[in-house]
Protein backbone atom coordinates (compact mmCIF):
# COMPACT_ATOMS: atom_id res chain seq x y z
CA UNK A 1 87.71 238.78 169.05
CA UNK A 2 89.25 241.41 166.86
CA UNK A 3 92.68 242.55 165.81
CA UNK A 4 95.21 242.37 168.64
CA UNK A 5 93.10 240.00 170.71
CA UNK A 6 94.20 236.53 171.67
CA UNK A 7 92.97 232.99 172.02
CA UNK A 8 92.35 231.73 175.56
CA UNK A 9 95.83 230.20 175.48
CA UNK A 10 97.46 233.56 174.75
CA UNK A 11 98.14 233.27 171.00
CA UNK A 12 97.26 236.53 169.26
CA UNK A 13 95.33 236.66 166.01
CA UNK A 14 98.35 238.20 164.31
CA UNK A 15 100.54 235.28 165.42
CA UNK A 16 97.93 232.74 164.29
CA UNK A 17 97.61 234.45 160.92
CA UNK A 18 101.38 234.47 160.45
CA UNK A 19 101.55 230.74 161.16
CA UNK A 20 98.80 229.96 158.66
CA UNK A 21 100.57 232.09 156.03
CA UNK A 22 103.89 230.37 156.76
CA UNK A 23 102.34 226.89 156.41
CA UNK A 24 100.69 227.92 153.13
CA UNK A 25 103.89 229.36 151.69
CA UNK A 26 105.92 226.36 152.83
CA UNK A 27 103.67 224.26 150.59
CA UNK A 28 104.00 226.68 147.66
CA UNK A 29 100.25 227.25 147.81
CA UNK A 30 98.62 230.44 146.57
CA UNK A 31 96.05 232.14 148.78
CA UNK A 32 93.38 231.43 146.13
CA UNK A 33 94.22 227.72 146.20
CA UNK A 34 93.91 227.57 149.99
CA UNK A 35 90.52 229.27 149.74
CA UNK A 36 89.41 226.76 147.10
CA UNK A 37 90.58 223.68 149.03
CA UNK A 38 89.21 224.85 152.37
CA UNK A 39 85.92 226.17 150.96
CA UNK A 40 86.57 229.38 152.87
CA UNK A 41 86.22 232.66 150.96
CA UNK A 42 89.41 234.29 149.71
CA UNK A 43 88.61 237.46 151.64
CA UNK A 44 88.20 235.48 154.88
CA UNK A 45 91.51 233.65 154.36
CA UNK A 46 93.25 236.95 153.65
CA UNK A 47 91.79 238.59 156.76
CA UNK A 48 92.71 235.62 158.95
CA UNK A 49 96.29 235.66 157.65
CA UNK A 50 96.55 239.38 158.37
CA UNK A 51 95.20 238.87 161.88
CA UNK A 52 92.22 241.16 161.32
CA UNK A 53 89.55 238.45 161.44
CA UNK A 54 89.02 235.76 164.08
CA UNK A 55 88.13 232.41 162.49
CA UNK A 56 85.58 230.11 164.07
CA UNK A 57 86.91 226.72 165.15
CA UNK A 58 85.32 225.21 162.05
CA UNK A 59 86.99 227.67 159.69
CA UNK A 60 90.33 227.15 161.43
CA UNK A 61 89.88 223.39 161.09
CA UNK A 62 89.03 223.74 157.39
CA UNK A 63 92.19 225.73 156.81
CA UNK A 64 94.28 223.17 158.70
CA UNK A 65 92.70 220.32 156.72
CA UNK A 66 93.36 222.07 153.40
CA UNK A 67 97.00 222.49 154.46
CA UNK A 68 97.21 218.79 155.33
CA UNK A 69 97.89 219.51 158.98
CA UNK A 70 96.12 219.93 162.32
CA UNK A 71 94.86 222.86 164.35
CA UNK A 72 97.48 221.95 166.94
CA UNK A 73 100.32 222.72 164.50
CA UNK A 74 98.76 226.09 163.68
CA UNK A 75 98.61 226.97 167.37
CA UNK A 76 101.96 225.68 168.65
CA UNK A 77 105.60 225.35 167.71
CA UNK A 78 107.09 221.84 167.45
CA UNK A 79 108.88 220.54 170.55
CA UNK A 80 111.74 218.08 170.90
CA UNK A 81 110.38 214.50 170.83
CA UNK A 82 111.13 213.62 174.43
CA UNK A 83 109.04 213.52 177.60
CA UNK A 84 106.64 216.47 177.27
CA UNK A 85 104.38 217.71 180.07
CA UNK A 86 101.48 219.98 179.10
CA UNK A 87 100.18 221.76 182.22
CA UNK A 88 96.45 222.37 182.13
CA UNK A 89 96.80 226.14 182.23
CA UNK A 90 99.17 226.09 179.24
CA UNK A 91 97.10 223.90 176.92
CA UNK A 92 95.73 225.51 173.77
CA UNK A 93 91.95 226.03 173.89
CA UNK A 94 89.84 227.34 171.02
CA UNK A 95 86.21 228.30 171.58
CA UNK A 96 83.48 228.56 168.99
CA UNK A 97 80.75 231.20 169.45
CA UNK A 98 78.07 228.56 168.78
CA UNK A 99 78.79 227.04 172.21
CA UNK A 100 81.59 224.49 172.01
CA UNK A 101 85.30 224.34 172.68
CA UNK A 102 88.30 222.21 171.79
CA UNK A 103 91.28 221.65 174.08
CA UNK A 104 94.51 220.36 172.50
CA UNK A 105 96.06 217.65 174.70
CA UNK A 106 98.98 216.59 172.49
CA UNK A 107 102.26 218.39 171.77
CA UNK A 108 103.34 219.25 168.24
CA UNK A 109 106.25 217.05 167.16
CA UNK A 110 108.52 217.55 164.14
CA UNK A 111 107.31 215.56 161.12
CA UNK A 112 104.40 214.02 163.02
CA UNK A 113 100.73 214.85 162.38
CA UNK A 114 98.88 213.64 165.46
CA UNK A 115 96.16 215.39 167.43
CA UNK A 116 94.56 214.40 170.74
CA UNK A 117 91.65 216.65 171.75
CA UNK A 118 89.00 217.09 174.42
CA UNK A 119 85.83 218.68 173.07
CA UNK A 120 82.88 220.05 175.02
CA UNK A 121 79.57 220.63 173.23
CA UNK A 122 77.00 222.69 175.09
CA UNK A 123 73.35 221.55 175.30
CA UNK A 124 71.74 221.42 171.86
CA UNK A 125 74.94 222.47 170.07
CA UNK A 126 75.70 221.25 166.55
CA UNK A 127 79.39 221.72 165.75
CA UNK A 128 78.72 221.28 162.05
CA UNK A 129 80.20 219.07 159.34
CA UNK A 130 83.97 218.72 159.03
CA UNK A 131 85.81 218.29 155.75
CA UNK A 132 87.36 214.93 154.85
CA UNK A 133 91.08 214.56 155.46
CA UNK A 134 93.50 212.86 153.07
CA UNK A 135 93.07 209.12 152.40
CA UNK A 136 94.96 207.09 154.98
CA UNK A 137 93.85 209.34 157.86
CA UNK A 138 92.06 207.86 160.88
CA UNK A 139 89.86 209.21 163.68
CA UNK A 140 88.92 207.67 167.01
CA UNK A 141 86.46 209.08 169.53
CA UNK A 142 85.14 208.19 172.98
CA UNK A 143 82.36 209.91 174.93
CA UNK A 144 83.18 210.85 178.51
CA UNK A 145 79.86 212.41 179.55
CA UNK A 146 76.51 213.13 177.88
CA UNK A 147 75.34 211.98 174.46
CA UNK A 148 77.00 212.52 171.09
CA UNK A 149 75.51 212.30 167.61
CA UNK A 150 78.34 211.33 165.26
CA UNK A 151 77.44 211.52 161.57
CA UNK A 152 79.74 209.94 158.97
CA UNK A 153 78.93 210.44 155.29
CA UNK A 154 75.36 211.37 156.22
CA UNK A 155 74.73 208.36 158.46
CA UNK A 156 74.06 209.25 162.14
CA UNK A 157 75.34 207.19 165.07
CA UNK A 158 74.23 207.80 168.66
CA UNK A 159 76.93 207.44 171.30
CA UNK A 160 76.37 207.35 175.05
CA UNK A 161 78.89 207.97 177.85
CA UNK A 162 81.56 205.28 177.63
CA UNK A 163 80.91 204.46 173.96
CA UNK A 164 83.80 204.62 171.51
CA UNK A 165 83.92 204.78 167.70
CA UNK A 166 86.38 204.73 164.81
CA UNK A 167 85.95 206.05 161.26
CA UNK A 168 88.26 206.71 158.31
CA UNK A 169 89.37 210.33 158.37
CA UNK A 170 88.69 210.83 154.65
CA UNK A 171 84.91 210.74 155.21
CA UNK A 172 82.61 213.71 155.84
CA UNK A 173 81.95 213.79 159.57
CA UNK A 174 79.93 215.86 162.00
CA UNK A 175 79.45 216.11 165.77
CA UNK A 176 76.33 217.30 167.60
CA UNK A 177 74.77 217.22 171.05
CA UNK A 178 71.00 216.83 170.86
CA UNK A 179 70.52 216.56 174.63
CA UNK A 180 69.81 219.15 177.33
CA UNK A 181 73.11 218.38 179.07
CA UNK A 182 76.72 219.12 178.04
CA UNK A 183 78.60 216.46 176.12
CA UNK A 184 82.33 215.87 176.56
CA UNK A 185 84.22 213.60 174.17
CA UNK A 186 87.82 212.88 173.25
CA UNK A 187 89.08 212.65 169.68
CA UNK A 188 92.35 211.24 168.37
CA UNK A 189 93.42 211.78 164.77
CA UNK A 190 96.24 210.47 162.64
CA UNK A 191 96.63 212.36 159.37
CA UNK A 192 98.19 211.61 156.00
CA UNK A 193 99.07 214.72 154.04
CA UNK A 194 97.59 214.95 150.52
CA UNK A 195 100.05 213.61 147.97
CA UNK A 196 102.41 212.40 150.69
CA UNK A 197 102.92 208.67 150.90
CA UNK A 198 104.53 208.89 154.31
CA UNK A 199 102.41 208.06 157.34
CA UNK A 200 101.76 211.05 159.59
CA UNK A 201 100.28 210.87 163.02
CA UNK A 202 97.26 214.30 163.49
CA UNK A 203 91.44 217.40 162.61
CA UNK A 204 87.59 220.40 159.00
CA UNK A 205 83.19 222.73 158.74
CA UNK A 206 81.36 225.88 157.72
CA UNK A 207 82.63 229.35 156.96
CA UNK A 208 82.33 231.75 159.88
């Protein structure tokens, strides 16, 4: 996707870039500092913020992690904390060119960093390694179909359909599908923001 194009959910690259820039400025963070924390080049961060470059899911996740937030908050505006229905056709979906996609199943709530996702990895797809979140963050996953290789701090774990796992969110973690069939898994994350003692309920990889 290029300038003026949109995510599958309808959010344009310009809108996404503006949201990332707003989150960065709200934290008083310089562009160079965001690049350093996310391990994404300064030029890439600048292009993403201007809406002239489409980030991979991994790059987007790295930026969100460096900002102490989730992809969901970068894609959606907060809603009033009441009963919230998210119709399937209106859910945010981000697709990575390597052959996997993430669907956001949770609404964005004011002051709450929580993310509930459905991820599909195509056959033989390695989604890459995600950056650690702040201490006090937690991640939970369950495999719906196929087989998932979950790697935490370099140690691989093989999960079959129906298997569930938990790991502290401040560990390096990676997801891959080594099989010839698609793998679908769900991931729930609760995030603590760096330097913030308050508990937040809320997902980081390679430059693209």
